[in-house]
Amino acid sequence: MNLFIKLLGTGVSLGAGFVGTKLVNTIWEKSTGRKPPTGKDEDVPTSLQSALTFALISASVSTIIQVLANRGTQRAITRFAKSQDIV
């Protein structure tokens, strides 16, 4: 069961990362009026300042999501261990 909780935590982390990326991309597009500078679109000119700002925001959101997912997984493992001791 401990392995199941860890796998579930990994799945939640991946899902939250996907949602976070879509959220950052959507907010970036709404606030700047341009597509996010992902490097995939060669025809969209991107300034260095724009690329660095996007990278900083994206990395910050990713780190926050990773920390919250890890904390949630640890909390679930602790709860599971306590409930196993009771039974």
PDB file of N, CA and C in Angstrom:
ATOM      1  N   MET A   1       0.824  -1.192   0.000  1.00  0.00           N
ATOM      2  CA  MET A   1       0.000   0.000   0.000  1.00  0.00           C
ATOM      3  C   MET A   1       0.870   1.258   0.000  1.00  0.00           C
ATOM      4  N   ASN A   2       2.030   1.187   0.655  1.00  0.00           N
ATOM      5  CA  ASN A   2       2.928   2.330   0.681  1.00  0.00           C
ATOM      6  C   ASN A   2       3.395   2.681  -0.736  1.00  0.00           C
ATOM      7  N   LEU A   3       3.665   1.658  -1.532  1.00  0.00           N
ATOM      8  CA  LEU A   3       4.057   1.872  -2.921  1.00  0.00           C
ATOM      9  C   LEU A   3       2.916   2.523  -3.699  1.00  0.00           C
ATOM     10  N   PHE A   4       1.695   2.091  -3.427  1.00  0.00           N
ATOM     11  CA  PHE A   4       0.526   2.666  -4.091  1.00  0.00           C
ATOM     12  C   PHE A   4       0.414   4.164  -3.791  1.00  0.00           C
ATOM     13  N   ILE A   5       0.634   4.545  -2.540  1.00  0.00           N
ATOM     14  CA  ILE A   5       0.538   5.960  -2.162  1.00  0.00           C
ATOM     15  C   ILE A   5       1.636   6.765  -2.841  1.00  0.00           C
ATOM     16  N   LYS A   6       2.834   6.188  -2.927  1.00  0.00           N
ATOM     17  CA  LYS A   6       3.927   6.896  -3.614  1.00  0.00           C
ATOM     18  C   LYS A   6       3.627   7.056  -5.107  1.00  0.00           C
ATOM     19  N   LEU A   7       3.080   6.013  -5.714  1.00  0.00           N
ATOM     20  CA  LEU A   7       2.706   6.114  -7.128  1.00  0.00           C
ATOM     21  C   LEU A   7       1.578   7.121  -7.323  1.00  0.00           C
ATOM     22  N   LEU A   8       0.638   7.118  -6.403  1.00  0.00           N
ATOM     23  CA  LEU A   8      -0.443   8.092  -6.462  1.00  0.00           C
ATOM     24  C   LEU A   8       0.103   9.510  -6.324  1.00  0.00           C
ATOM     25  N   GLY A   9       1.062   9.698  -5.420  1.00  0.00           N
ATOM     26  CA  GLY A   9       1.701  11.001  -5.258  1.00  0.00           C
ATOM     27  C   GLY A   9       2.421  11.448  -6.522  1.00  0.00           C
ATOM     28  N   THR A  10       3.070  10.498  -7.187  1.00  0.00           N
ATOM     29  CA  THR A  10       3.740  10.813  -8.453  1.00  0.00           C
ATOM     30  C   THR A  10       2.725  11.211  -9.518  1.00  0.00           C
ATOM     31  N   GLY A  11       1.626  10.474  -9.570  1.00  0.00           N
ATOM     32  CA  GLY A  11       0.581  10.801 -10.536  1.00  0.00           C
ATOM     33  C   GLY A  11      -0.037  12.168 -10.270  1.00  0.00           C
ATOM     34  N   VAL A  12      -0.279  12.461  -9.005  1.00  0.00           N
ATOM     35  CA  VAL A  12      -0.831  13.774  -8.645  1.00  0.00           C
ATOM     36  C   VAL A  12       0.153  14.871  -9.005  1.00  0.00           C
ATOM     37  N   SER A  13       1.437  14.635  -8.751  1.00  0.00           N
ATOM     38  CA  SER A  13       2.464  15.622  -9.079  1.00  0.00           C
ATOM     39  C   SER A  13       2.529  15.882 -10.585  1.00  0.00           C
ATOM     40  N   LEU A  14       2.458  14.819 -11.377  1.00  0.00           N
ATOM     41  CA  LEU A  14       2.482  14.986 -12.838  1.00  0.00           C
ATOM     42  C   LEU A  14       1.247  15.724 -13.333  1.00  0.00           C
ATOM     43  N   GLY A  15       0.096  15.343 -12.802  1.00  0.00           N
ATOM     44  CA  GLY A  15      -1.145  16.015 -13.191  1.00  0.00           C
ATOM     45  C   GLY A  15      -1.145  17.487 -12.798  1.00  0.00           C
ATOM     46  N   ALA A  16      -0.677  17.761 -11.581  1.00  0.00           N
ATOM     47  CA  ALA A  16      -0.618  19.147 -11.124  1.00  0.00           C
ATOM     48  C   ALA A  16       0.389  19.949 -11.945  1.00  0.00           C
ATOM     49  N   GLY A  17       1.485  19.308 -12.333  1.00  0.00           N
ATOM     50  CA  GLY A  17       2.471  19.984 -13.185  1.00  0.00           C
ATOM     51  C   GLY A  17       1.895  20.339 -14.542  1.00  0.00           C
ATOM     52  N   PHE A  18       1.119  19.436 -15.101  1.00  0.00           N
ATOM     53  CA  PHE A  18       0.470  19.689 -16.391  1.00  0.00           C
ATOM     54  C   PHE A  18      -0.517  20.849 -16.274  1.00  0.00           C
ATOM     55  N   VAL A  19      -1.336  20.815 -15.225  1.00  0.00           N
ATOM     56  CA  VAL A  19      -2.311  21.887 -15.010  1.00  0.00           C
ATOM     57  C   VAL A  19      -1.601  23.212 -14.752  1.00  0.00           C
ATOM     58  N   GLY A  20      -0.526  23.170 -13.972  1.00  0.00           N
ATOM     59  CA  GLY A  20       0.240  24.388 -13.692  1.00  0.00           C
ATOM     60  C   GLY A  20       0.844  24.996 -14.943  1.00  0.00           C
ATOM     61  N   THR A  21       1.370  24.136 -15.818  1.00  0.00           N
ATOM     62  CA  THR A  21       1.944  24.615 -17.074  1.00  0.00           C
ATOM     63  C   THR A  21       0.875  25.267 -17.945  1.00  0.00           C
ATOM     64  N   LYS A  22      -0.265  24.621 -18.054  1.00  0.00           N
ATOM     65  CA  LYS A  22      -1.362  25.197 -18.846  1.00  0.00           C
ATOM     66  C   LYS A  22      -1.830  26.516 -18.243  1.00  0.00           C
ATOM     67  N   LEU A  23      -1.887  26.586 -16.911  1.00  0.00           N
ATOM     68  CA  LEU A  23      -2.306  27.808 -16.231  1.00  0.00           C
ATOM     69  C   LEU A  23      -1.332  28.949 -16.494  1.00  0.00           C
ATOM     70  N   VAL A  24      -0.031  28.677 -16.358  1.00  0.00           N
ATOM     71  CA  VAL A  24       0.980  29.713 -16.613  1.00  0.00           C
ATOM     72  C   VAL A  24       0.920  30.168 -18.064  1.00  0.00           C
ATOM     73  N   ASN A  25       0.790  29.215 -18.985  1.00  0.00           N
ATOM     74  CA  ASN A  25       0.717  29.572 -20.408  1.00  0.00           C
ATOM     75  C   ASN A  25      -0.508  30.436 -20.703  1.00  0.00           C
ATOM     76  N   THR A  26      -1.649  30.088 -20.121  1.00  0.00           N
ATOM     77  CA  THR A  26      -2.883  30.840 -20.353  1.00  0.00           C
ATOM     78  C   THR A  26      -2.785  32.247 -19.766  1.00  0.00           C
ATOM     79  N   ILE A  27      -2.285  32.335 -18.545  1.00  0.00           N
ATOM     80  CA  ILE A  27      -2.145  33.657 -17.909  1.00  0.00           C
ATOM     81  C   ILE A  27      -1.153  34.514 -18.685  1.00  0.00           C
ATOM     82  N   TRP A  28      -0.066  33.904 -19.154  1.00  0.00           N
ATOM     83  CA  TRP A  28       0.927  34.652 -19.938  1.00  0.00           C
ATOM     84  C   TRP A  28       0.300  35.197 -21.219  1.00  0.00           C
ATOM     85  N   GLU A  29      -0.455  34.344 -21.889  1.00  0.00           N
ATOM     86  CA  GLU A  29      -1.072  34.756 -23.156  1.00  0.00           C
ATOM     87  C   GLU A  29      -2.112  35.853 -22.932  1.00  0.00           C
ATOM     88  N   LYS A  30      -2.897  35.744 -21.854  1.00  0.00           N
ATOM     89  CA  LYS A  30      -3.921  36.761 -21.562  1.00  0.00           C
ATOM     90  C   LYS A  30      -3.288  38.089 -21.157  1.00  0.00           C
ATOM     91  N   SER A  31      -2.203  38.045 -20.388  1.00  0.00           N
ATOM     92  CA  SER A  31      -1.616  39.288 -19.883  1.00  0.00           C
ATOM     93  C   SER A  31      -0.719  39.985 -20.903  1.00  0.00           C
ATOM     94  N   THR A  32      -0.025  39.217 -21.751  1.00  0.00           N
ATOM     95  CA  THR A  32       0.876  39.850 -22.720  1.00  0.00           C
ATOM     96  C   THR A  32       0.285  39.936 -24.117  1.00  0.00           C
ATOM     97  N   GLY A  33      -0.697  39.099 -24.414  1.00  0.00           N
ATOM     98  CA  GLY A  33      -1.269  39.087 -25.749  1.00  0.00           C
ATOM     99  C   GLY A  33      -0.449  38.291 -26.744  1.00  0.00           C
ATOM    100  N   ARG A  34       0.594  37.612 -26.266  1.00  0.00           N
ATOM    101  CA  ARG A  34       1.451  36.795 -27.131  1.00  0.00           C
ATOM    102  C   ARG A  34       1.502  35.374 -26.604  1.00  0.00           C
ATOM    103  N   LYS A  35       1.896  34.462 -27.478  1.00  0.00           N
ATOM    104  CA  LYS A  35       2.082  33.078 -27.048  1.00  0.00           C
ATOM    105  C   LYS A  35       3.311  33.006 -26.136  1.00  0.00           C
ATOM    106  N   PRO A  36       3.316  32.057 -25.203  1.00  0.00           N
ATOM    107  CA  PRO A  36       4.474  31.928 -24.322  1.00  0.00           C
ATOM    108  C   PRO A  36       5.724  31.523 -25.097  1.00  0.00           C
ATOM    109  N   PRO A  37       6.884  32.040 -24.698  1.00  0.00           N
ATOM    110  CA  PRO A  37       8.127  31.706 -25.404  1.00  0.00           C
ATOM    111  C   PRO A  37       8.639  30.324 -25.009  1.00  0.00           C
ATOM    112  N   THR A  38       8.144  29.308 -25.686  1.00  0.00           N
ATOM    113  CA  THR A  38       8.532  27.935 -25.363  1.00  0.00           C
ATOM    114  C   THR A  38       9.691  27.432 -26.215  1.00  0.00           C
ATOM    115  N   GLY A  39      10.027  28.140 -27.272  1.00  0.00           N
ATOM    116  CA  GLY A  39      11.108  27.717 -28.146  1.00  0.00           C
ATOM    117  C   GLY A  39      10.647  26.809 -29.271  1.00  0.00           C
ATOM    118  N   LYS A  40       9.378  26.449 -29.269  1.00  0.00           N
ATOM    119  CA  LYS A  40       8.858  25.564 -30.315  1.00  0.00           C
ATOM    120  C   LYS A  40       8.476  26.341 -31.574  1.00  0.00           C
ATOM    121  N   ASP A  41       8.053  27.590 -31.393  1.00  0.00           N
ATOM    122  CA  ASP A  41       7.642  28.412 -32.529  1.00  0.00           C
ATOM    123  C   ASP A  41       8.808  29.284 -32.966  1.00  0.00           C
ATOM    124  N   GLU A  42       9.421  28.917 -34.067  1.00  0.00           N
ATOM    125  CA  GLU A  42      10.563  29.678 -34.564  1.00  0.00           C
ATOM    126  C   GLU A  42      10.146  30.995 -35.202  1.00  0.00           C
ATOM    127  N   ASP A  43       8.889  31.090 -35.636  1.00  0.00           N
ATOM    128  CA  ASP A  43       8.434  32.285 -36.330  1.00  0.00           C
ATOM    129  C   ASP A  43       8.006  33.396 -35.367  1.00  0.00           C
ATOM    130  N   VAL A  44       7.909  33.113 -34.071  1.00  0.00           N
ATOM    131  CA  VAL A  44       7.506  34.117 -33.097  1.00  0.00           C
ATOM    132  C   VAL A  44       8.758  34.726 -32.476  1.00  0.00           C
ATOM    133  N   PRO A  45       9.033  36.013 -32.751  1.00  0.00           N
ATOM    134  CA  PRO A  45      10.219  36.639 -32.158  1.00  0.00           C
ATOM    135  C   PRO A  45      10.032  36.836 -30.652  1.00  0.00           C
ATOM    136  N   THR A  46      11.064  36.515 -29.894  1.00  0.00           N
ATOM    137  CA  THR A  46      11.006  36.619 -28.445  1.00  0.00           C
ATOM    138  C   THR A  46      12.239  37.367 -27.960  1.00  0.00           C
ATOM    139  N   SER A  47      12.008  38.361 -27.106  1.00  0.00           N
ATOM    140  CA  SER A  47      13.137  39.081 -26.531  1.00  0.00           C
ATOM    141  C   SER A  47      13.715  38.266 -25.381  1.00  0.00           C
ATOM    142  N   LEU A  48      14.960  38.555 -25.041  1.00  0.00           N
ATOM    143  CA  LEU A  48      15.608  37.859 -23.947  1.00  0.00           C
ATOM    144  C   LEU A  48      14.888  38.136 -22.630  1.00  0.00           C
ATOM    145  N   GLN A  49      14.458  39.362 -22.445  1.00  0.00           N
ATOM    146  CA  GLN A  49      13.739  39.729 -21.219  1.00  0.00           C
ATOM    147  C   GLN A  49      12.440  38.938 -21.094  1.00  0.00           C
ATOM    148  N   SER A  50      11.727  38.817 -22.172  1.00  0.00           N
ATOM    149  CA  SER A  50      10.474  38.066 -22.165  1.00  0.00           C
ATOM    150  C   SER A  50      10.721  36.591 -21.860  1.00  0.00           C
ATOM    151  N   ALA A  51      11.727  36.014 -22.483  1.00  0.00           N
ATOM    152  CA  ALA A  51      12.041  34.601 -22.267  1.00  0.00           C
ATOM    153  C   ALA A  51      12.478  34.344 -20.827  1.00  0.00           C
ATOM    154  N   LEU A  52      13.310  35.223 -20.278  1.00  0.00           N
ATOM    155  CA  LEU A  52      13.773  35.050 -18.897  1.00  0.00           C
ATOM    156  C   LEU A  52      12.643  35.238 -17.890  1.00  0.00           C
ATOM    157  N   THR A  53      11.763  36.188 -18.147  1.00  0.00           N
ATOM    158  CA  THR A  53      10.621  36.405 -17.255  1.00  0.00           C
ATOM    159  C   THR A  53       9.717  35.184 -17.258  1.00  0.00           C
ATOM    160  N   PHE A  54       9.422  34.670 -18.440  1.00  0.00           N
ATOM    161  CA  PHE A  54       8.584  33.485 -18.538  1.00  0.00           C
ATOM    162  C   PHE A  54       9.243  32.293 -17.844  1.00  0.00           C
ATOM    163  N   ALA A  55      10.541  32.116 -18.035  1.00  0.00           N
ATOM    164  CA  ALA A  55      11.254  31.004 -17.409  1.00  0.00           C
ATOM    165  C   ALA A  55      11.224  31.114 -15.886  1.00  0.00           C
ATOM    166  N   LEU A  56      11.384  32.321 -15.359  1.00  0.00           N
ATOM    167  CA  LEU A  56      11.356  32.529 -13.916  1.00  0.00           C
ATOM    168  C   LEU A  56       9.977  32.214 -13.335  1.00  0.00           C
ATOM    169  N   ILE A  57       8.941  32.701 -13.984  1.00  0.00           N
ATOM    170  CA  ILE A  57       7.573  32.445 -13.515  1.00  0.00           C
ATOM    171  C   ILE A  57       7.254  30.952 -13.610  1.00  0.00           C
ATOM    172  N   SER A  58       7.591  30.341 -14.717  1.00  0.00           N
ATOM    173  CA  SER A  58       7.301  28.931 -14.931  1.00  0.00           C
ATOM    174  C   SER A  58       8.045  28.053 -13.918  1.00  0.00           C
ATOM    175  N   ALA A  59       9.307  28.361 -13.667  1.00  0.00           N
ATOM    176  CA  ALA A  59      10.087  27.584 -12.703  1.00  0.00           C
ATOM    177  C   ALA A  59       9.548  27.754 -11.284  1.00  0.00           C
ATOM    178  N   SER A  60       9.123  28.958 -10.949  1.00  0.00           N
ATOM    179  CA  SER A  60       8.562  29.198  -9.614  1.00  0.00           C
ATOM    180  C   SER A  60       7.289  28.392  -9.400  1.00  0.00           C
ATOM    181  N   VAL A  61       6.402  28.423 -10.375  1.00  0.00           N
ATOM    182  CA  VAL A  61       5.150  27.662 -10.267  1.00  0.00           C
ATOM    183  C   VAL A  61       5.452  26.165 -10.185  1.00  0.00           C
ATOM    184  N   SER A  62       6.397  25.698 -10.973  1.00  0.00           N
ATOM    185  CA  SER A  62       6.764  24.280 -10.966  1.00  0.00           C
ATOM    186  C   SER A  62       7.314  23.854  -9.609  1.00  0.00           C
ATOM    187  N   THR A  63       8.144  24.686  -9.015  1.00  0.00           N
ATOM    188  CA  THR A  63       8.716  24.373  -7.708  1.00  0.00           C
ATOM    189  C   THR A  63       7.647  24.338  -6.629  1.00  0.00           C
ATOM    190  N   ILE A  64       6.736  25.289  -6.662  1.00  0.00           N
ATOM    191  CA  ILE A  64       5.647  25.321  -5.679  1.00  0.00           C
ATOM    192  C   ILE A  64       4.786  24.064  -5.808  1.00  0.00           C
ATOM    193  N   ILE A  65       4.478  23.670  -7.026  1.00  0.00           N
ATOM    194  CA  ILE A  65       3.679  22.466  -7.247  1.00  0.00           C
ATOM    195  C   ILE A  65       4.407  21.232  -6.730  1.00  0.00           C
ATOM    196  N   GLN A  66       5.708  21.146  -6.983  1.00  0.00           N
ATOM    197  CA  GLN A  66       6.484  19.999  -6.530  1.00  0.00           C
ATOM    198  C   GLN A  66       6.505  19.915  -5.004  1.00  0.00           C
ATOM    199  N   VAL A  67       6.710  21.034  -4.332  1.00  0.00           N
ATOM    200  CA  VAL A  67       6.737  21.048  -2.872  1.00  0.00           C
ATOM    201  C   VAL A  67       5.376  20.641  -2.299  1.00  0.00           C
ATOM    202  N   LEU A  68       4.303  21.205  -2.847  1.00  0.00           N
ATOM    203  CA  LEU A  68       2.968  20.867  -2.342  1.00  0.00           C
ATOM    204  C   LEU A  68       2.621  19.398  -2.580  1.00  0.00           C
ATOM    205  N   ALA A  69       3.010  18.868  -3.726  1.00  0.00           N
ATOM    206  CA  ALA A  69       2.744  17.453  -4.010  1.00  0.00           C
ATOM    207  C   ALA A  69       3.535  16.550  -3.067  1.00  0.00           C
ATOM    208  N   ASN A  70       4.786  16.902  -2.806  1.00  0.00           N
ATOM    209  CA  ASN A  70       5.597  16.107  -1.883  1.00  0.00           C
ATOM    210  C   ASN A  70       5.028  16.148  -0.470  1.00  0.00           C
ATOM    211  N   ARG A  71       4.605  17.320  -0.036  1.00  0.00           N
ATOM    212  CA  ARG A  71       4.004  17.433   1.294  1.00  0.00           C
ATOM    213  C   ARG A  71       2.721  16.620   1.393  1.00  0.00           C
ATOM    214  N   GLY A  72       1.915  16.679   0.370  1.00  0.00           N
ATOM    215  CA  GLY A  72       0.677  15.909   0.362  1.00  0.00           C
ATOM    216  C   GLY A  72       0.942  14.415   0.402  1.00  0.00           C
ATOM    217  N   THR A  73       1.939  13.964  -0.340  1.00  0.00           N
ATOM    218  CA  THR A  73       2.293  12.547  -0.337  1.00  0.00           C
ATOM    219  C   THR A  73       2.791  12.118   1.033  1.00  0.00           C
ATOM    220  N   GLN A  74       3.636  12.932   1.643  1.00  0.00           N
ATOM    221  CA  GLN A  74       4.142  12.598   2.974  1.00  0.00           C
ATOM    222  C   GLN A  74       3.006  12.555   3.997  1.00  0.00           C
ATOM    223  N   ARG A  75       2.067  13.481   3.884  1.00  0.00           N
ATOM    224  CA  ARG A  75       0.917  13.486   4.783  1.00  0.00           C
ATOM    225  C   ARG A  75       0.072  12.221   4.600  1.00  0.00           C
ATOM    226  N   ALA A  76      -0.114  11.810   3.362  1.00  0.00           N
ATOM    227  CA  ALA A  76      -0.896  10.599   3.087  1.00  0.00           C
ATOM    228  C   ALA A  76      -0.186   9.360   3.625  1.00  0.00           C
ATOM    229  N   ILE A  77       1.129   9.296   3.485  1.00  0.00           N
ATOM    230  CA  ILE A  77       1.890   8.160   4.008  1.00  0.00           C
ATOM    231  C   ILE A  77       1.789   8.120   5.530  1.00  0.00           C
ATOM    232  N   THR A  78       1.868   9.280   6.177  1.00  0.00           N
ATOM    233  CA  THR A  78       1.753   9.342   7.636  1.00  0.00           C
ATOM    234  C   THR A  78       0.370   8.892   8.091  1.00  0.00           C
ATOM    235  N   ARG A  79      -0.674   9.359   7.425  1.00  0.00           N
ATOM    236  CA  ARG A  79      -2.037   8.948   7.773  1.00  0.00           C
ATOM    237  C   ARG A  79      -2.227   7.444   7.580  1.00  0.00           C
ATOM    238  N   PHE A  80      -1.691   6.933   6.500  1.00  0.00           N
ATOM    239  CA  PHE A  80      -1.808   5.505   6.231  1.00  0.00           C
ATOM    240  C   PHE A  80      -1.096   4.696   7.310  1.00  0.00           C
ATOM    241  N   ALA A  81       0.075   5.141   7.718  1.00  0.00           N
ATOM    242  CA  ALA A  81       0.844   4.428   8.755  1.00  0.00           C
ATOM    243  C   ALA A  81       0.079   4.467  10.087  1.00  0.00           C
ATOM    244  N   LYS A  82      -0.524   5.598  10.409  1.00  0.00           N
ATOM    245  CA  LYS A  82      -1.303   5.698  11.658  1.00  0.00           C
ATOM    246  C   LYS A  82      -2.529   4.792  11.615  1.00  0.00           C
ATOM    247  N   SER A  83      -3.233   4.767  10.491  1.00  0.00           N
ATOM    248  CA  SER A  83      -4.431   3.936  10.393  1.00  0.00           C
ATOM    249  C   SER A  83      -4.060   2.456  10.397  1.00  0.00           C
ATOM    250  N   GLN A  84      -2.890   2.116   9.901  1.00  0.00           N
ATOM    251  CA  GLN A  84      -2.452   0.733   9.911  1.00  0.00           C
ATOM    252  C   GLN A  84      -2.120   0.287  11.339  1.00  0.00           C
ATOM    253  N   ASP A  85      -1.570   1.206  12.154  1.00  0.00           N
ATOM    254  CA  ASP A  85      -1.260   0.897  13.538  1.00  0.00           C
ATOM    255  C   ASP A  85      -2.519   0.670  14.351  1.00  0.00           C
ATOM    256  N   ILE A  86      -3.572   1.407  14.044  1.00  0.00           N
ATOM    257  CA  ILE A  86      -4.839   1.289  14.779  1.00  0.00           C
ATOM    258  C   ILE A  86      -5.501  -0.049  14.480  1.00  0.00           C
ATOM    259  N   VAL A  87      -5.449  -0.477  13.236  1.00  0.00           N
ATOM    260  CA  VAL A  87      -6.098  -1.730  12.811  1.00  0.00           C
ATOM    261  C   VAL A  87      -5.233  -2.838  13.218  1.00  0.00           C
TER     262      VAL A  87
END
